[in-house]
N, C-alpha and C. Protein backbone atom coordinates (compact mmCIF):
# COMPACT_ATOMS: atom_id res chain seq x y z
N MET A 1 314.81 109.91 65.06
CA MET A 1 313.68 110.68 65.58
C MET A 1 314.21 112.02 66.04
N PRO A 2 313.53 113.15 65.64
CA PRO A 2 314.06 114.46 66.01
C PRO A 2 313.79 114.77 67.45
N THR A 3 314.64 115.47 68.04
CA THR A 3 314.51 115.82 69.45
C THR A 3 313.90 117.19 69.56
N VAL A 4 312.97 117.35 70.54
CA VAL A 4 312.28 118.62 70.78
C VAL A 4 312.97 119.31 71.92
N PRO A 5 313.44 120.50 71.74
CA PRO A 5 314.11 121.19 72.83
C PRO A 5 313.13 121.59 73.89
N LEU A 6 313.49 121.53 75.08
CA LEU A 6 312.64 121.86 76.22
C LEU A 6 312.73 123.35 76.50
N THR A 7 312.06 124.13 75.67
CA THR A 7 312.08 125.60 75.83
C THR A 7 310.76 126.13 76.35
N GLY A 8 309.74 125.27 76.52
CA GLY A 8 308.42 125.71 76.99
C GLY A 8 307.50 126.14 75.89
N ARG A 9 307.88 126.03 74.65
CA ARG A 9 307.03 126.41 73.51
C ARG A 9 306.60 125.17 72.76
N VAL A 10 305.34 125.26 72.23
CA VAL A 10 304.81 124.14 71.44
C VAL A 10 305.21 124.37 70.01
N PRO A 11 305.75 123.38 69.39
CA PRO A 11 306.15 123.56 67.99
C PRO A 11 304.93 123.80 67.11
N PRO A 12 305.01 124.63 66.13
CA PRO A 12 303.86 124.91 65.24
C PRO A 12 303.45 123.68 64.47
N VAL A 13 302.15 123.69 64.12
CA VAL A 13 301.60 122.53 63.41
C VAL A 13 302.15 122.47 62.01
N THR A 14 302.44 123.60 61.44
CA THR A 14 302.91 123.61 60.05
C THR A 14 304.23 122.88 59.93
N SER A 15 305.06 123.00 60.98
CA SER A 15 306.33 122.29 60.89
C SER A 15 306.12 120.81 60.85
N GLY A 16 305.11 120.34 61.62
CA GLY A 16 304.82 118.91 61.57
C GLY A 16 304.26 118.51 60.24
N MET A 17 303.39 119.39 59.65
CA MET A 17 302.81 119.07 58.35
C MET A 17 303.88 119.04 57.29
N HIS A 18 304.82 120.01 57.40
CA HIS A 18 305.93 119.97 56.44
C HIS A 18 306.76 118.72 56.63
N ALA A 19 306.86 118.33 57.88
CA ALA A 19 307.64 117.12 58.13
C ALA A 19 306.96 115.91 57.55
N LEU A 20 305.59 115.87 57.69
CA LEU A 20 304.87 114.74 57.12
C LEU A 20 304.94 114.76 55.61
N SER A 21 304.86 115.99 55.04
CA SER A 21 304.95 116.04 53.58
C SER A 21 306.31 115.62 53.11
N ARG A 22 307.33 115.97 53.90
CA ARG A 22 308.66 115.56 53.51
C ARG A 22 308.82 114.05 53.65
N SER A 23 308.13 113.52 54.67
CA SER A 23 308.26 112.07 54.86
C SER A 23 307.47 111.28 53.85
N GLY A 24 306.53 112.00 53.04
CA GLY A 24 305.78 111.30 51.97
C GLY A 24 304.40 110.87 52.40
N ALA A 25 303.88 111.28 53.63
CA ALA A 25 302.55 110.86 54.07
C ALA A 25 301.49 111.74 53.38
N LYS A 26 300.32 111.15 53.09
CA LYS A 26 299.21 111.87 52.45
C LYS A 26 298.40 112.60 53.51
N HIS A 27 297.95 113.86 53.18
CA HIS A 27 297.13 114.63 54.13
C HIS A 27 296.11 115.43 53.33
N ALA A 28 294.97 115.86 53.99
CA ALA A 28 293.90 116.65 53.36
C ALA A 28 294.31 118.10 53.27
N PRO A 29 293.83 118.85 52.27
CA PRO A 29 294.18 120.27 52.16
C PRO A 29 293.59 121.06 53.31
N PRO A 30 294.22 122.11 53.73
CA PRO A 30 293.72 122.89 54.86
C PRO A 30 292.45 123.65 54.48
N ILE A 31 291.50 123.76 55.42
CA ILE A 31 290.22 124.47 55.23
C ILE A 31 290.35 125.82 55.87
N SER A 32 289.99 126.87 55.11
CA SER A 32 290.13 128.23 55.64
C SER A 32 289.02 128.52 56.64
N LEU A 33 289.24 129.52 57.46
CA LEU A 33 288.26 129.89 58.48
C LEU A 33 287.00 130.50 57.86
N ARG A 34 287.15 131.21 56.74
CA ARG A 34 285.99 131.81 56.06
C ARG A 34 285.04 130.76 55.52
N ALA A 35 285.61 129.67 54.96
CA ALA A 35 284.78 128.58 54.44
C ALA A 35 284.04 127.90 55.57
N GLN A 36 284.71 127.73 56.73
CA GLN A 36 284.04 127.11 57.86
C GLN A 36 282.89 127.96 58.37
N ARG A 37 283.06 129.29 58.39
CA ARG A 37 281.97 130.16 58.84
C ARG A 37 280.81 130.14 57.85
N GLY A 38 281.12 130.09 56.53
CA GLY A 38 280.04 130.03 55.55
C GLY A 38 279.25 128.75 55.63
N ALA A 39 279.90 127.63 55.95
CA ALA A 39 279.19 126.36 56.07
C ALA A 39 278.31 126.33 57.30
N LEU A 40 278.77 126.96 58.38
CA LEU A 40 277.99 126.95 59.62
C LEU A 40 276.90 128.01 59.64
N ALA A 41 277.03 129.09 58.86
CA ALA A 41 276.03 130.18 58.88
C ALA A 41 274.75 129.74 58.19
N PRO A 42 273.55 130.14 58.69
CA PRO A 42 272.28 129.75 58.03
C PRO A 42 272.10 130.49 56.71
N ARG A 43 271.42 129.86 55.78
CA ARG A 43 271.20 130.45 54.46
C ARG A 43 270.16 131.56 54.55
N ALA A 44 270.38 132.60 53.72
CA ALA A 44 269.44 133.73 53.70
C ALA A 44 268.19 133.34 52.91
N PRO A 45 267.00 133.78 53.31
CA PRO A 45 265.78 133.44 52.57
C PRO A 45 265.78 134.07 51.18
N ALA A 46 265.01 133.50 50.27
CA ALA A 46 264.94 133.99 48.89
C ALA A 46 264.23 135.34 48.85
N ARG A 47 264.54 136.13 47.77
CA ARG A 47 263.95 137.46 47.66
C ARG A 47 262.44 137.38 47.44
N ARG A 48 262.00 136.37 46.72
CA ARG A 48 260.58 136.24 46.46
C ARG A 48 259.79 136.02 47.74
N LEU A 49 260.33 135.15 48.62
CA LEU A 49 259.65 134.91 49.89
C LEU A 49 259.64 136.17 50.73
N ALA A 50 260.69 136.95 50.65
CA ALA A 50 260.74 138.18 51.43
C ALA A 50 259.69 139.18 50.93
N ARG A 51 259.50 139.28 49.60
CA ARG A 51 258.50 140.20 49.05
C ARG A 51 257.10 139.78 49.44
N VAL A 52 256.82 138.47 49.34
CA VAL A 52 255.49 137.98 49.71
C VAL A 52 255.22 138.25 51.17
N THR A 53 256.24 138.04 52.01
CA THR A 53 256.06 138.29 53.44
C THR A 53 255.78 139.76 53.71
N ASN A 54 256.48 140.66 52.99
CA ASN A 54 256.24 142.09 53.17
C ASN A 54 254.84 142.49 52.72
N GLN A 55 254.37 141.91 51.59
CA GLN A 55 253.03 142.23 51.12
C GLN A 55 251.97 141.76 52.10
N VAL A 56 252.15 140.55 52.62
CA VAL A 56 251.17 140.02 53.57
C VAL A 56 251.15 140.87 54.83
N SER A 57 252.31 141.28 55.30
CA SER A 57 252.37 142.08 56.51
C SER A 57 251.73 143.45 56.28
N ASN A 58 251.95 144.05 55.09
CA ASN A 58 251.35 145.35 54.79
C ASN A 58 249.84 145.25 54.69
N GLU A 59 249.34 144.18 54.03
CA GLU A 59 247.90 144.01 53.93
C GLU A 59 247.27 143.73 55.28
N ALA A 60 247.98 143.04 56.12
CA ALA A 60 247.42 142.74 57.44
C ALA A 60 247.32 143.99 58.30
N ARG A 61 248.15 144.98 58.03
CA ARG A 61 248.11 146.20 58.83
C ARG A 61 246.93 147.09 58.48
N VAL A 62 246.40 147.00 57.22
CA VAL A 62 245.30 147.85 56.78
C VAL A 62 244.00 147.27 57.32
N ILE A 63 243.34 147.98 58.19
CA ILE A 63 242.09 147.54 58.79
C ILE A 63 241.03 148.58 58.44
N PRO A 64 240.00 148.25 57.63
CA PRO A 64 238.97 149.24 57.29
C PRO A 64 238.15 149.62 58.50
N LEU A 65 237.95 150.95 58.67
CA LEU A 65 237.16 151.42 59.80
C LEU A 65 235.67 151.17 59.60
N ARG A 66 235.22 151.33 58.33
CA ARG A 66 233.81 151.10 58.04
C ARG A 66 233.69 150.10 56.90
N PRO A 67 232.75 149.18 56.96
CA PRO A 67 232.60 148.22 55.85
C PRO A 67 232.09 148.91 54.60
N VAL A 68 232.63 148.51 53.46
CA VAL A 68 232.22 149.10 52.18
C VAL A 68 230.86 148.57 51.79
N PRO A 69 229.85 149.43 51.57
CA PRO A 69 228.52 148.93 51.22
C PRO A 69 228.51 148.31 49.83
N ALA A 70 227.80 147.22 49.68
CA ALA A 70 227.71 146.54 48.38
C ALA A 70 226.74 147.27 47.48
N ARG A 71 227.08 147.36 46.20
CA ARG A 71 226.22 148.05 45.24
C ARG A 71 225.00 147.21 44.91
N PRO A 72 223.85 147.83 44.75
CA PRO A 72 222.66 147.04 44.37
C PRO A 72 222.80 146.50 42.97
N ALA A 73 222.44 145.25 42.79
CA ALA A 73 222.60 144.58 41.49
C ALA A 73 221.37 144.71 40.62
N GLY A 74 220.35 145.50 41.05
CA GLY A 74 219.13 145.60 40.28
C GLY A 74 219.31 146.33 38.96
N PRO A 75 219.71 147.61 38.97
CA PRO A 75 219.83 148.33 37.68
C PRO A 75 220.89 147.77 36.77
N GLU A 76 222.02 147.27 37.36
CA GLU A 76 223.11 146.78 36.51
C GLU A 76 222.79 145.42 35.91
N SER A 77 221.87 144.68 36.52
CA SER A 77 221.60 143.34 36.03
C SER A 77 220.75 143.34 34.77
N SER A 78 220.13 144.47 34.43
CA SER A 78 219.27 144.50 33.25
C SER A 78 219.65 145.66 32.35
N PRO A 79 220.83 145.60 31.68
CA PRO A 79 221.20 146.69 30.77
C PRO A 79 220.33 146.74 29.54
N ALA A 80 219.83 145.58 29.09
CA ALA A 80 218.98 145.56 27.90
C ALA A 80 217.69 146.31 28.16
N ARG A 81 217.14 146.16 29.38
CA ARG A 81 215.90 146.85 29.70
C ARG A 81 216.11 148.35 29.72
N ASN A 82 217.23 148.81 30.28
CA ASN A 82 217.52 150.24 30.30
C ASN A 82 217.69 150.78 28.89
N THR A 83 218.37 150.01 28.02
CA THR A 83 218.55 150.46 26.64
C THR A 83 217.22 150.57 25.92
N GLY A 84 216.34 149.59 26.15
CA GLY A 84 215.02 149.65 25.51
C GLY A 84 214.20 150.83 25.99
N ASN A 85 214.25 151.13 27.29
CA ASN A 85 213.51 152.27 27.81
C ASN A 85 214.04 153.57 27.23
N THR A 86 215.37 153.68 27.09
CA THR A 86 215.95 154.89 26.52
C THR A 86 215.52 155.07 25.07
N GLN A 87 215.54 153.99 24.29
CA GLN A 87 215.13 154.09 22.89
C GLN A 87 213.66 154.46 22.76
N ASN A 88 212.80 153.87 23.62
CA ASN A 88 211.39 154.20 23.56
C ASN A 88 211.15 155.67 23.92
N ARG A 89 211.91 156.17 24.90
CA ARG A 89 211.75 157.56 25.30
C ARG A 89 212.16 158.49 24.15
N GLU A 90 213.29 158.15 23.48
CA GLU A 90 213.73 158.98 22.36
C GLU A 90 212.73 158.94 21.21
N THR A 91 212.14 157.76 20.97
CA THR A 91 211.15 157.65 19.89
C THR A 91 209.93 158.51 20.18
N ARG A 92 209.48 158.48 21.45
CA ARG A 92 208.32 159.30 21.81
C ARG A 92 208.62 160.79 21.69
N GLU A 93 209.84 161.19 22.10
CA GLU A 93 210.20 162.60 21.98
C GLU A 93 210.26 163.04 20.53
N ASN A 94 210.84 162.18 19.66
CA ASN A 94 210.91 162.53 18.23
C ASN A 94 209.52 162.60 17.61
N ALA A 95 208.66 161.68 18.03
CA ALA A 95 207.30 161.69 17.49
C ALA A 95 206.56 162.96 17.92
N GLY A 96 206.77 163.38 19.18
CA GLY A 96 206.13 164.61 19.64
C GLY A 96 206.64 165.83 18.90
N GLN A 97 207.93 165.85 18.60
CA GLN A 97 208.47 166.97 17.85
C GLN A 97 207.94 167.00 16.42
N ARG A 98 207.80 165.82 15.81
CA ARG A 98 207.30 165.78 14.44
C ARG A 98 205.83 166.20 14.36
N GLU A 99 205.05 165.84 15.41
CA GLU A 99 203.65 166.21 15.38
C GLU A 99 203.47 167.73 15.44
N GLY A 100 204.35 168.41 16.15
CA GLY A 100 204.22 169.85 16.27
C GLY A 100 204.79 170.61 15.09
N LYS A 101 205.55 169.98 14.20
CA LYS A 101 206.19 170.65 13.08
C LYS A 101 205.55 170.21 11.78
N GLU A 102 205.66 171.06 10.77
CA GLU A 102 205.17 170.72 9.45
C GLU A 102 206.12 169.74 8.78
N PRO A 103 205.61 168.85 7.93
CA PRO A 103 206.49 167.88 7.26
C PRO A 103 207.41 168.56 6.27
N LEU A 104 208.52 167.92 5.99
CA LEU A 104 209.48 168.46 5.03
C LEU A 104 209.00 168.21 3.61
N TRP A 105 209.46 169.08 2.70
CA TRP A 105 209.04 168.96 1.29
C TRP A 105 209.56 167.67 0.67
N ARG A 106 210.79 167.29 1.00
CA ARG A 106 211.33 166.07 0.40
C ARG A 106 210.60 164.83 0.90
N ASP A 107 210.09 164.86 2.13
CA ASP A 107 209.30 163.73 2.61
C ASP A 107 207.99 163.61 1.84
N LEU A 108 207.36 164.74 1.57
CA LEU A 108 206.09 164.71 0.83
C LEU A 108 206.31 164.26 -0.61
N VAL A 109 207.38 164.74 -1.26
CA VAL A 109 207.67 164.31 -2.63
C VAL A 109 207.93 162.81 -2.68
N GLY A 110 208.67 162.30 -1.71
CA GLY A 110 208.93 160.86 -1.67
C GLY A 110 207.67 160.04 -1.48
N GLU A 111 206.75 160.54 -0.62
CA GLU A 111 205.49 159.83 -0.42
C GLU A 111 204.66 159.80 -1.69
N VAL A 112 204.62 160.92 -2.42
CA VAL A 112 203.84 160.96 -3.66
C VAL A 112 204.44 160.03 -4.70
N LEU A 113 205.75 160.03 -4.87
CA LEU A 113 206.38 159.14 -5.84
C LEU A 113 206.15 157.67 -5.48
N ARG A 114 206.27 157.32 -4.23
CA ARG A 114 206.06 155.93 -3.83
C ARG A 114 204.60 155.51 -4.03
N ARG A 115 203.69 156.42 -3.71
CA ARG A 115 202.27 156.08 -3.87
C ARG A 115 201.90 155.90 -5.33
N GLU A 116 202.41 156.77 -6.21
CA GLU A 116 202.11 156.63 -7.63
C GLU A 116 202.75 155.37 -8.21
N ARG A 117 203.94 155.04 -7.78
CA ARG A 117 204.61 153.84 -8.30
C ARG A 117 203.88 152.58 -7.86
N ARG A 118 203.44 152.55 -6.60
CA ARG A 118 202.72 151.37 -6.13
C ARG A 118 201.33 151.26 -6.75
N SER A 119 200.71 152.39 -7.04
CA SER A 119 199.39 152.33 -7.68
C SER A 119 199.49 151.75 -9.09
N GLN A 120 200.62 151.97 -9.75
CA GLN A 120 200.85 151.39 -11.07
C GLN A 120 201.45 149.98 -11.00
N GLU A 121 201.71 149.49 -9.79
CA GLU A 121 202.27 148.15 -9.58
C GLU A 121 203.60 147.98 -10.33
N ARG A 122 204.44 148.97 -10.18
CA ARG A 122 205.75 148.94 -10.82
C ARG A 122 206.83 148.86 -9.74
N THR A 123 207.92 148.23 -10.11
CA THR A 123 209.02 148.08 -9.17
C THR A 123 209.90 149.32 -9.17
N LEU A 124 210.72 149.42 -8.14
CA LEU A 124 211.63 150.56 -8.04
C LEU A 124 212.68 150.52 -9.15
N LYS A 125 213.10 149.32 -9.52
CA LYS A 125 214.10 149.18 -10.58
C LYS A 125 213.52 149.59 -11.94
N ASP A 126 212.25 149.28 -12.16
CA ASP A 126 211.62 149.64 -13.43
C ASP A 126 211.55 151.15 -13.59
N VAL A 127 211.13 151.85 -12.55
CA VAL A 127 211.03 153.31 -12.62
C VAL A 127 212.41 153.95 -12.73
N ALA A 128 213.39 153.40 -12.02
CA ALA A 128 214.75 153.95 -12.08
C ALA A 128 215.34 153.79 -13.47
N ASP A 129 215.10 152.65 -14.11
CA ASP A 129 215.61 152.45 -15.46
C ASP A 129 214.91 153.38 -16.46
N ALA A 130 213.61 153.57 -16.29
CA ALA A 130 212.88 154.45 -17.21
C ALA A 130 213.29 155.91 -17.04
N ALA A 131 213.57 156.32 -15.83
CA ALA A 131 213.97 157.71 -15.57
C ALA A 131 215.47 157.92 -15.71
N ARG A 132 216.22 156.83 -15.90
CA ARG A 132 217.68 156.89 -16.01
C ARG A 132 218.30 157.48 -14.73
N ILE A 133 217.80 156.97 -13.63
CA ILE A 133 218.30 157.36 -12.30
C ILE A 133 218.80 156.09 -11.62
N SER A 134 219.83 156.24 -10.84
CA SER A 134 220.35 155.06 -10.14
C SER A 134 219.32 154.57 -9.13
N LEU A 135 219.29 153.26 -8.95
CA LEU A 135 218.31 152.66 -8.05
C LEU A 135 218.49 153.12 -6.60
N PRO A 136 219.71 153.16 -6.05
CA PRO A 136 219.84 153.63 -4.66
C PRO A 136 219.42 155.09 -4.49
N TYR A 137 219.71 155.93 -5.49
CA TYR A 137 219.35 157.35 -5.37
C TYR A 137 217.83 157.53 -5.39
N LEU A 138 217.14 156.80 -6.26
CA LEU A 138 215.68 156.89 -6.29
C LEU A 138 215.07 156.36 -5.00
N SER A 139 215.67 155.34 -4.43
CA SER A 139 215.18 154.83 -3.15
C SER A 139 215.36 155.86 -2.04
N GLU A 140 216.48 156.59 -2.06
CA GLU A 140 216.69 157.64 -1.06
C GLU A 140 215.68 158.78 -1.25
N ILE A 141 215.31 159.07 -2.49
CA ILE A 141 214.33 160.14 -2.74
C ILE A 141 212.96 159.73 -2.20
N GLU A 142 212.56 158.49 -2.44
CA GLU A 142 211.26 158.04 -1.97
C GLU A 142 211.18 158.00 -0.44
N ARG A 143 212.30 157.73 0.21
CA ARG A 143 212.30 157.70 1.68
C ARG A 143 212.50 159.08 2.29
N GLY A 144 212.69 160.09 1.46
CA GLY A 144 212.83 161.45 1.97
C GLY A 144 214.19 161.78 2.53
N ARG A 145 215.19 161.00 2.19
CA ARG A 145 216.55 161.25 2.68
C ARG A 145 217.37 162.13 1.74
N LYS A 146 216.93 162.25 0.50
CA LYS A 146 217.63 163.08 -0.47
C LYS A 146 216.63 164.08 -1.06
N GLU A 147 217.08 165.31 -1.21
CA GLU A 147 216.26 166.34 -1.84
C GLU A 147 216.72 166.48 -3.28
N ALA A 148 215.93 165.95 -4.20
CA ALA A 148 216.33 165.90 -5.60
C ALA A 148 216.12 167.25 -6.27
N SER A 149 216.84 167.43 -7.37
CA SER A 149 216.70 168.65 -8.16
C SER A 149 215.45 168.57 -9.04
N SER A 150 215.12 169.68 -9.69
CA SER A 150 213.93 169.71 -10.54
C SER A 150 214.09 168.78 -11.74
N GLU A 151 215.32 168.64 -12.28
CA GLU A 151 215.52 167.74 -13.41
C GLU A 151 215.27 166.29 -13.00
N VAL A 152 215.75 165.90 -11.83
CA VAL A 152 215.55 164.52 -11.38
C VAL A 152 214.08 164.27 -11.09
N LEU A 153 213.40 165.23 -10.48
CA LEU A 153 211.97 165.07 -10.21
C LEU A 153 211.17 164.99 -11.50
N ALA A 154 211.55 165.79 -12.49
CA ALA A 154 210.84 165.72 -13.78
C ALA A 154 211.05 164.37 -14.45
N ALA A 155 212.27 163.84 -14.38
CA ALA A 155 212.53 162.52 -14.97
C ALA A 155 211.74 161.43 -14.26
N ALA A 156 211.68 161.48 -12.93
CA ALA A 156 210.91 160.48 -12.19
C ALA A 156 209.42 160.61 -12.47
N ALA A 157 208.94 161.84 -12.60
CA ALA A 157 207.52 162.03 -12.90
C ALA A 157 207.19 161.54 -14.30
N HIS A 158 208.04 161.80 -15.28
CA HIS A 158 207.81 161.32 -16.65
C HIS A 158 207.84 159.80 -16.70
N ALA A 159 208.70 159.17 -15.89
CA ALA A 159 208.73 157.71 -15.86
C ALA A 159 207.44 157.13 -15.32
N LEU A 160 206.74 157.90 -14.49
CA LEU A 160 205.45 157.45 -13.95
C LEU A 160 204.27 157.95 -14.78
N GLY A 161 204.54 158.60 -15.91
CA GLY A 161 203.46 159.11 -16.76
C GLY A 161 202.89 160.42 -16.27
N LEU A 162 203.62 161.17 -15.49
CA LEU A 162 203.16 162.45 -14.96
C LEU A 162 204.09 163.55 -15.43
N GLY A 163 203.63 164.78 -15.30
CA GLY A 163 204.48 165.93 -15.56
C GLY A 163 205.00 166.51 -14.25
N LEU A 164 205.93 167.43 -14.38
CA LEU A 164 206.47 168.04 -13.17
C LEU A 164 205.40 168.84 -12.45
N ALA A 165 204.51 169.50 -13.21
CA ALA A 165 203.43 170.25 -12.59
C ALA A 165 202.48 169.33 -11.84
N ASP A 166 202.20 168.16 -12.44
CA ASP A 166 201.33 167.20 -11.76
C ASP A 166 201.95 166.72 -10.45
N LEU A 167 203.25 166.45 -10.49
CA LEU A 167 203.92 165.99 -9.28
C LEU A 167 203.89 167.07 -8.20
N LEU A 168 204.11 168.32 -8.60
CA LEU A 168 204.11 169.41 -7.62
C LEU A 168 202.71 169.65 -7.06
N SER A 169 201.69 169.53 -7.90
CA SER A 169 200.32 169.72 -7.41
C SER A 169 199.93 168.62 -6.44
N LEU A 170 200.32 167.40 -6.73
CA LEU A 170 200.03 166.29 -5.81
C LEU A 170 200.78 166.48 -4.49
N THR A 171 202.00 166.97 -4.59
CA THR A 171 202.76 167.22 -3.36
C THR A 171 202.13 168.33 -2.54
N HIS A 172 201.63 169.36 -3.22
CA HIS A 172 200.96 170.46 -2.51
C HIS A 172 199.69 169.96 -1.83
N ALA A 173 198.95 169.10 -2.51
CA ALA A 173 197.75 168.54 -1.88
C ALA A 173 198.10 167.70 -0.66
N GLU A 174 199.21 166.97 -0.76
CA GLU A 174 199.65 166.17 0.39
C GLU A 174 200.05 167.08 1.55
N LEU A 175 200.71 168.19 1.25
CA LEU A 175 201.09 169.14 2.30
C LEU A 175 199.85 169.74 2.96
N THR A 176 198.85 170.08 2.15
CA THR A 176 197.62 170.63 2.71
C THR A 176 196.91 169.62 3.60
N ARG A 177 196.94 168.36 3.19
CA ARG A 177 196.29 167.33 4.01
C ARG A 177 196.99 167.15 5.35
N HIS A 178 198.32 167.30 5.36
CA HIS A 178 199.07 167.13 6.60
C HIS A 178 198.93 168.33 7.53
N THR A 179 198.82 169.51 6.98
CA THR A 179 198.85 170.72 7.81
C THR A 179 197.47 171.25 8.16
N THR A 180 196.40 170.77 7.53
CA THR A 180 195.06 171.29 7.82
C THR A 180 194.62 171.04 9.25
N PRO A 181 194.80 169.83 9.83
CA PRO A 181 194.36 169.63 11.22
C PRO A 181 195.14 170.47 12.22
N HIS A 182 196.34 170.90 11.89
CA HIS A 182 197.18 171.64 12.83
C HIS A 182 196.96 173.15 12.75
N ARG A 183 196.14 173.60 11.79
CA ARG A 183 195.92 175.03 11.68
C ARG A 183 195.00 175.51 12.79
N ARG A 184 195.27 176.68 13.28
CA ARG A 184 194.44 177.26 14.31
C ARG A 184 193.21 177.89 13.68
N PRO A 185 192.07 177.80 14.35
CA PRO A 185 190.87 178.44 13.79
C PRO A 185 191.03 179.95 13.77
N ALA A 186 190.54 180.54 12.71
CA ALA A 186 190.66 181.99 12.57
C ALA A 186 189.82 182.69 13.62
N ALA A 187 190.33 183.79 14.12
CA ALA A 187 189.61 184.55 15.14
C ALA A 187 188.34 185.15 14.55
N ALA A 188 187.31 185.20 15.37
CA ALA A 188 186.02 185.74 14.90
C ALA A 188 186.16 187.24 14.61
N ARG A 189 185.73 187.58 13.44
CA ARG A 189 185.81 188.98 13.05
C ARG A 189 184.70 189.79 13.73
N PRO A 190 184.98 191.02 14.13
CA PRO A 190 183.92 191.84 14.73
C PRO A 190 182.87 192.24 13.69
N ARG A 191 181.62 192.16 14.10
CA ARG A 191 180.54 192.51 13.18
C ARG A 191 180.52 194.03 12.95
N PRO A 192 180.29 194.41 11.70
CA PRO A 192 180.21 195.86 11.44
C PRO A 192 178.98 196.46 12.09
N SER A 193 179.12 197.62 12.66
CA SER A 193 178.00 198.29 13.33
C SER A 193 177.06 198.92 12.29
N THR A 194 175.79 198.94 12.63
CA THR A 194 174.80 199.51 11.71
C THR A 194 174.76 201.03 11.76
N GLY A 195 175.41 201.59 12.75
CA GLY A 195 175.42 203.06 12.83
C GLY A 195 174.23 203.64 13.55
N LEU A 196 173.39 202.79 14.16
CA LEU A 196 172.23 203.28 14.88
C LEU A 196 172.56 203.42 16.34
N CYS A 197 172.02 204.38 16.98
CA CYS A 197 172.21 204.58 18.41
C CYS A 197 170.88 204.98 19.03
N LEU A 198 170.72 204.61 20.26
CA LEU A 198 169.49 204.91 20.96
C LEU A 198 169.69 206.15 21.80
N ALA A 199 168.78 207.03 21.72
CA ALA A 199 168.84 208.26 22.50
C ALA A 199 168.01 208.09 23.75
N ALA A 200 168.51 208.64 24.86
CA ALA A 200 167.79 208.51 26.11
C ALA A 200 166.61 209.46 26.13
């Protein structure tokens, strides 16, 4: 057994551990002070929890001074009704503008061609084939969306058994019928004087 000198000092623990290791005894590995502090220290909260906490705290600090008034749900609840009113208003405005203006020439020509074709009880395809005009183009002419040339009008008139002059005269009569009610009455002409005067 080793003797400890009486010098007033405590022998270091490492010397005893070395002695135990030399003697062949088993011992646990030493634990560092940093590992002990990490085990005893509390764990830091997750970043996600910290962000949520910050958002909640920021929202809690915002206090509205005045309550936001709620929007009335009346006009927004019926968009179909508003759309219908707008369309009706536009239709009335267009109708008023058309009443004050004279009809277009292509509209009158289309009306005459359609009326003559229906009076003969012929289809649009039959007249288009006889005039050698495409069916969609003849349909556009009858609806007044296309202004046809004189050659096309002559071909359509010949397919209906008419001449170009007949078609133009019928169109002129249609124009007169549309514009006669809108004409202003002529101002009364002053009567010619007889040339007589009365002497006082």
